[in-house]
């Protein structure tokens, strides 16, 4: 089966899949440039400022 994601302009949204509906937060990945769920991604920051956010799919390529 697949899933449906509804993403609002502020980055909030919901994901509907075979397990039900869950709220999610989305952001644009700094590497691939696509809206992705923020779960399991990571943020690179400096002195409390977020500089980059990388999705779970690109995380391995950036850490290598």
PDB file of N, CA and C in Angstrom:
ATOM      1  N   UNK A   1       0.843  -1.173   0.000  1.00  0.00           N
ATOM      2  CA  UNK A   1       0.000   0.000   0.000  1.00  0.00           C
ATOM      3  C   UNK A   1       0.887   1.234   0.000  1.00  0.00           C
ATOM      4  N   UNK A   2       0.275   2.350  -0.179  1.00  0.00           N
ATOM      5  CA  UNK A   2       1.004   3.600  -0.207  1.00  0.00           C
ATOM      6  C   UNK A   2       0.604   4.493   0.950  1.00  0.00           C
ATOM      7  N   UNK A   3       0.854   5.784   0.811  1.00  0.00           N
ATOM      8  CA  UNK A   3       0.495   6.746   1.834  1.00  0.00           C
ATOM      9  C   UNK A   3       0.194   8.080   1.168  1.00  0.00           C
ATOM     10  N   UNK A   4      -0.477   8.951   1.920  1.00  0.00           N
ATOM     11  CA  UNK A   4      -0.787  10.299   1.466  1.00  0.00           C
ATOM     12  C   UNK A   4      -0.218  11.259   2.490  1.00  0.00           C
ATOM     13  N   UNK A   5       0.464  12.288   2.025  1.00  0.00           N
ATOM     14  CA  UNK A   5       0.973  13.334   2.908  1.00  0.00           C
ATOM     15  C   UNK A   5       0.319  14.648   2.522  1.00  0.00           C
ATOM     16  N   UNK A   6      -0.153  15.380   3.518  1.00  0.00           N
ATOM     17  CA  UNK A   6      -0.687  16.726   3.311  1.00  0.00           C
ATOM     18  C   UNK A   6       0.245  17.661   4.045  1.00  0.00           C
ATOM     19  N   UNK A   7       0.905  18.548   3.307  1.00  0.00           N
ATOM     20  CA  UNK A   7       1.911  19.443   3.878  1.00  0.00           C
ATOM     21  C   UNK A   7       1.418  20.875   3.745  1.00  0.00           C
ATOM     22  N   UNK A   8       1.346  21.571   4.874  1.00  0.00           N
ATOM     23  CA  UNK A   8       0.939  22.974   4.889  1.00  0.00           C
ATOM     24  C   UNK A   8       2.159  23.863   4.686  1.00  0.00           C
ATOM     25  N   UNK A   9       1.931  25.108   4.347  1.00  0.00           N
ATOM     26  CA  UNK A   9       3.043  26.037   4.067  1.00  0.00           C
ATOM     27  C   UNK A   9       3.975  26.237   5.258  1.00  0.00           C
ATOM     28  N   UNK A  10       3.460  26.067   6.479  1.00  0.00           N
ATOM     29  CA  UNK A  10       4.299  26.271   7.664  1.00  0.00           C
ATOM     30  C   UNK A  10       5.128  25.045   8.039  1.00  0.00           C
ATOM     31  N   UNK A  11       5.043  23.973   7.231  1.00  0.00           N
ATOM     32  CA  UNK A  11       5.832  22.779   7.495  1.00  0.00           C
ATOM     33  C   UNK A  11       5.111  21.727   8.313  1.00  0.00           C
ATOM     34  N   UNK A  12       3.945  22.061   8.857  1.00  0.00           N
ATOM     35  CA  UNK A  12       3.176  21.054   9.572  1.00  0.00           C
ATOM     36  C   UNK A  12       2.381  20.242   8.562  1.00  0.00           C
ATOM     37  N   UNK A  13       1.898  19.098   8.979  1.00  0.00           N
ATOM     38  CA  UNK A  13       1.107  18.292   8.073  1.00  0.00           C
ATOM     39  C   UNK A  13       0.678  16.993   8.703  1.00  0.00           C
ATOM     40  N   UNK A  14       0.054  16.139   7.898  1.00  0.00           N
ATOM     41  CA  UNK A  14      -0.354  14.826   8.363  1.00  0.00           C
ATOM     42  C   UNK A  14       0.053  13.785   7.335  1.00  0.00           C
ATOM     43  N   UNK A  15       0.244  12.573   7.804  1.00  0.00           N
ATOM     44  CA  UNK A  15       0.530  11.436   6.934  1.00  0.00           C
ATOM     45  C   UNK A  15      -0.541  10.390   7.196  1.00  0.00           C
ATOM     46  N   UNK A  16      -1.157   9.897   6.129  1.00  0.00           N
ATOM     47  CA  UNK A  16      -2.182   8.868   6.227  1.00  0.00           C
ATOM     48  C   UNK A  16      -1.650   7.631   5.526  1.00  0.00           C
ATOM     49  N   UNK A  17      -1.546   6.525   6.266  1.00  0.00           N
ATOM     50  CA  UNK A  17      -1.094   5.267   5.684  1.00  0.00           C
ATOM     51  C   UNK A  17      -1.909   4.129   6.264  1.00  0.00           C
ATOM     52  N   UNK A  18      -1.502   2.884   6.008  1.00  0.00           N
ATOM     53  CA  UNK A  18      -2.276   1.739   6.471  1.00  0.00           C
ATOM     54  C   UNK A  18      -2.317   1.630   7.991  1.00  0.00           C
ATOM     55  N   UNK A  19      -1.439   2.322   8.693  1.00  0.00           N
ATOM     56  CA  UNK A  19      -1.428   2.306  10.156  1.00  0.00           C
ATOM     57  C   UNK A  19      -2.300   3.404  10.744  1.00  0.00           C
ATOM     58  N   UNK A  20      -2.863   4.264   9.918  1.00  0.00           N
ATOM     59  CA  UNK A  20      -3.742   5.328  10.392  1.00  0.00           C
ATOM     60  C   UNK A  20      -3.222   6.708  10.040  1.00  0.00           C
ATOM     61  N   UNK A  21      -3.656   7.682  10.814  1.00  0.00           N
ATOM     62  CA  UNK A  21      -3.295   9.083  10.578  1.00  0.00           C
ATOM     63  C   UNK A  21      -2.351   9.527  11.680  1.00  0.00           C
ATOM     64  N   UNK A  22      -1.270  10.202  11.310  1.00  0.00           N
ATOM     65  CA  UNK A  22      -0.381  10.769  12.320  1.00  0.00           C
ATOM     66  C   UNK A  22       0.032  12.164  11.877  1.00  0.00           C
ATOM     67  N   UNK A  23       0.257  13.021  12.861  1.00  0.00           N
ATOM     68  CA  UNK A  23       0.757  14.354  12.563  1.00  0.00           C
ATOM     69  C   UNK A  23       2.243  14.267  12.315  1.00  0.00           C
ATOM     70  N   UNK A  24       2.733  15.100  11.439  1.00  0.00           N
ATOM     71  CA  UNK A  24       4.154  15.097  11.110  1.00  0.00           C
ATOM     72  C   UNK A  24       4.606  16.526  10.866  1.00  0.00           C
ATOM     73  N   UNK A  25       5.892  16.721  10.951  1.00  0.00           N
ATOM     74  CA  UNK A  25       6.494  18.009  10.638  1.00  0.00           C
ATOM     75  C   UNK A  25       7.425  17.793   9.460  1.00  0.00           C
ATOM     76  N   UNK A  26       7.309  18.621   8.459  1.00  0.00           N
ATOM     77  CA  UNK A  26       8.080  18.484   7.239  1.00  0.00           C
ATOM     78  C   UNK A  26       9.014  19.669   7.080  1.00  0.00           C
ATOM     79  N   UNK A  27      10.122  19.432   6.419  1.00  0.00           N
ATOM     80  CA  UNK A  27      11.066  20.501   6.112  1.00  0.00           C
ATOM     81  C   UNK A  27      11.717  20.164   4.781  1.00  0.00           C
ATOM     82  N   UNK A  28      12.335  21.156   4.167  1.00  0.00           N
ATOM     83  CA  UNK A  28      13.038  20.936   2.907  1.00  0.00           C
ATOM     84  C   UNK A  28      14.452  20.473   3.232  1.00  0.00           C
ATOM     85  N   UNK A  29      14.838  19.341   2.684  1.00  0.00           N
ATOM     86  CA  UNK A  29      16.172  18.800   2.903  1.00  0.00           C
ATOM     87  C   UNK A  29      17.207  19.709   2.230  1.00  0.00           C
ATOM     88  N   UNK A  30      18.268  20.002   2.938  1.00  0.00           N
ATOM     89  CA  UNK A  30      19.328  20.854   2.393  1.00  0.00           C
ATOM     90  C   UNK A  30      20.112  20.169   1.278  1.00  0.00           C
ATOM     91  N   UNK A  31      20.075  18.844   1.211  1.00  0.00           N
ATOM     92  CA  UNK A  31      20.815  18.123   0.181  1.00  0.00           C
ATOM     93  C   UNK A  31      19.972  17.860  -1.066  1.00  0.00           C
ATOM     94  N   UNK A  32      18.805  17.205  -0.914  1.00  0.00           N
ATOM     95  CA  UNK A  32      18.002  16.829  -2.086  1.00  0.00           C
ATOM     96  C   UNK A  32      16.967  17.883  -2.462  1.00  0.00           C
ATOM     97  N   UNK A  33      16.643  18.817  -1.559  1.00  0.00           N
ATOM     98  CA  UNK A  33      15.713  19.897  -1.865  1.00  0.00           C
ATOM     99  C   UNK A  33      14.246  19.500  -1.869  1.00  0.00           C
ATOM    100  N   UNK A  34      13.898  18.327  -1.323  1.00  0.00           N
ATOM    101  CA  UNK A  34      12.516  17.866  -1.300  1.00  0.00           C
ATOM    102  C   UNK A  34      11.937  18.008   0.106  1.00  0.00           C
ATOM    103  N   UNK A  35      10.590  18.185   0.189  1.00  0.00           N
ATOM    104  CA  UNK A  35       9.914  18.170   1.475  1.00  0.00           C
ATOM    105  C   UNK A  35       9.944  16.757   2.011  1.00  0.00           C
ATOM    106  N   UNK A  36      10.475  16.563   3.222  1.00  0.00           N
ATOM    107  CA  UNK A  36      10.567  15.243   3.847  1.00  0.00           C
ATOM    108  C   UNK A  36      10.115  15.349   5.295  1.00  0.00           C
ATOM    109  N   UNK A  37       9.650  14.232   5.833  1.00  0.00           N
ATOM    110  CA  UNK A  37       9.287  14.137   7.240  1.00  0.00           C
ATOM    111  C   UNK A  37      10.559  14.311   8.073  1.00  0.00           C
ATOM    112  N   UNK A  38      10.485  15.103   9.138  1.00  0.00           N
ATOM    113  CA  UNK A  38      11.680  15.407   9.927  1.00  0.00           C
ATOM    114  C   UNK A  38      12.132  14.250  10.821  1.00  0.00           C
ATOM    115  N   UNK A  39      11.321  13.195  10.946  1.00  0.00           N
ATOM    116  CA  UNK A  39      11.693  12.051  11.785  1.00  0.00           C
ATOM    117  C   UNK A  39      12.958  11.400  11.236  1.00  0.00           C
ATOM    118  N   UNK A  40      13.923  11.176  12.099  1.00  0.00           N
ATOM    119  CA  UNK A  40      15.200  10.514  11.803  1.00  0.00           C
ATOM    120  C   UNK A  40      16.147  11.334  10.931  1.00  0.00           C
ATOM    121  N   UNK A  41      15.790  12.539  10.558  1.00  0.00           N
ATOM    122  CA  UNK A  41      16.743  13.419   9.879  1.00  0.00           C
ATOM    123  C   UNK A  41      17.637  14.055  10.931  1.00  0.00           C
ATOM    124  N   UNK A  42      18.525  14.927  10.522  1.00  0.00           N
ATOM    125  CA  UNK A  42      19.336  15.600  11.534  1.00  0.00           C
ATOM    126  C   UNK A  42      19.631  17.038  11.139  1.00  0.00           C
ATOM    127  N   UNK A  43      19.866  17.843  12.159  1.00  0.00           N
ATOM    128  CA  UNK A  43      20.123  19.264  11.987  1.00  0.00           C
ATOM    129  C   UNK A  43      21.570  19.555  12.330  1.00  0.00           C
ATOM    130  N   UNK A  44      22.212  20.339  11.501  1.00  0.00           N
ATOM    131  CA  UNK A  44      23.555  20.811  11.776  1.00  0.00           C
ATOM    132  C   UNK A  44      23.406  22.255  12.221  1.00  0.00           C
ATOM    133  N   UNK A  45      23.907  22.553  13.406  1.00  0.00           N
ATOM    134  CA  UNK A  45      23.751  23.892  13.938  1.00  0.00           C
ATOM    135  C   UNK A  45      25.027  24.422  14.560  1.00  0.00           C
ATOM    136  N   UNK A  46      24.993  25.705  14.896  1.00  0.00           N
ATOM    137  CA  UNK A  46      26.142  26.371  15.502  1.00  0.00           C
ATOM    138  C   UNK A  46      25.607  27.442  16.437  1.00  0.00           C
ATOM    139  N   UNK A  47      25.963  27.391  17.695  1.00  0.00           N
ATOM    140  CA  UNK A  47      25.512  28.353  18.709  1.00  0.00           C
ATOM    141  C   UNK A  47      23.996  28.487  18.724  1.00  0.00           C
ATOM    142  N   UNK A  48      23.284  27.364  18.627  1.00  0.00           N
ATOM    143  CA  UNK A  48      21.827  27.375  18.707  1.00  0.00           C
ATOM    144  C   UNK A  48      21.108  27.724  17.422  1.00  0.00           C
ATOM    145  N   UNK A  49      21.825  28.027  16.363  1.00  0.00           N
ATOM    146  CA  UNK A  49      21.204  28.342  15.082  1.00  0.00           C
ATOM    147  C   UNK A  49      21.229  27.118  14.182  1.00  0.00           C
ATOM    148  N   UNK A  50      20.112  26.834  13.560  1.00  0.00           N
ATOM    149  CA  UNK A  50      20.039  25.707  12.641  1.00  0.00           C
ATOM    150  C   UNK A  50      20.584  26.140  11.282  1.00  0.00           C
ATOM    151  N   UNK A  51      21.634  25.484  10.823  1.00  0.00           N
ATOM    152  CA  UNK A  51      22.250  25.846   9.549  1.00  0.00           C
ATOM    153  C   UNK A  51      21.765  24.956   8.409  1.00  0.00           C
ATOM    154  N   UNK A  52      21.663  23.652   8.658  1.00  0.00           N
ATOM    155  CA  UNK A  52      21.233  22.680   7.652  1.00  0.00           C
ATOM    156  C   UNK A  52      20.293  21.686   8.294  1.00  0.00           C
ATOM    157  N   UNK A  53      19.370  21.163   7.519  1.00  0.00           N
ATOM    158  CA  UNK A  53      18.591  20.010   7.946  1.00  0.00           C
ATOM    159  C   UNK A  53      18.666  18.993   6.819  1.00  0.00           C
ATOM    160  N   UNK A  54      19.013  17.745   7.136  1.00  0.00           N
ATOM    161  CA  UNK A  54      19.198  16.694   6.135  1.00  0.00           C
ATOM    162  C   UNK A  54      18.235  15.552   6.456  1.00  0.00           C
ATOM    163  N   UNK A  55      17.505  15.084   5.456  1.00  0.00           N
ATOM    164  CA  UNK A  55      16.511  14.015   5.638  1.00  0.00           C
ATOM    165  C   UNK A  55      17.195  12.673   5.885  1.00  0.00           C
ATOM    166  N   UNK A  56      16.397  11.706   6.302  1.00  0.00           N
ATOM    167  CA  UNK A  56      16.910  10.379   6.624  1.00  0.00           C
ATOM    168  C   UNK A  56      17.506   9.705   5.371  1.00  0.00           C
ATOM    169  N   UNK A  57      16.946   9.972   4.189  1.00  0.00           N
ATOM    170  CA  UNK A  57      17.457   9.360   2.954  1.00  0.00           C
ATOM    171  C   UNK A  57      18.843   9.890   2.585  1.00  0.00           C
ATOM    172  N   UNK A  58      19.110  11.149   2.862  1.00  0.00           N
ATOM    173  CA  UNK A  58      20.395  11.767   2.508  1.00  0.00           C
ATOM    174  C   UNK A  58      21.402  11.722   3.648  1.00  0.00           C
ATOM    175  N   UNK A  59      20.961  11.344   4.849  1.00  0.00           N
ATOM    176  CA  UNK A  59      21.823  11.368   6.032  1.00  0.00           C
ATOM    177  C   UNK A  59      23.087  10.551   5.842  1.00  0.00           C
ATOM    178  N   UNK A  60      22.997   9.365   5.258  1.00  0.00           N
ATOM    179  CA  UNK A  60      24.163   8.515   5.041  1.00  0.00           C
ATOM    180  C   UNK A  60      25.164   9.131   4.097  1.00  0.00           C
ATOM    181  N   UNK A  61      24.699   9.818   3.064  1.00  0.00           N
ATOM    182  CA  UNK A  61      25.592  10.434   2.074  1.00  0.00           C
ATOM    183  C   UNK A  61      26.350  11.616   2.688  1.00  0.00           C
ATOM    184  N   UNK A  62      25.707  12.337   3.591  1.00  0.00           N
ATOM    185  CA  UNK A  62      26.352  13.505   4.198  1.00  0.00           C
ATOM    186  C   UNK A  62      27.336  13.084   5.277  1.00  0.00           C
ATOM    187  N   UNK A  63      27.004  12.026   6.037  1.00  0.00           N
ATOM    188  CA  UNK A  63      27.876  11.590   7.123  1.00  0.00           C
ATOM    189  C   UNK A  63      29.084  10.825   6.635  1.00  0.00           C
ATOM    190  N   UNK A  64      29.038  10.305   5.425  1.00  0.00           N
ATOM    191  CA  UNK A  64      30.163   9.494   4.921  1.00  0.00           C
ATOM    192  C   UNK A  64      31.374  10.334   4.587  1.00  0.00           C
TER     193      UNK A  64
END
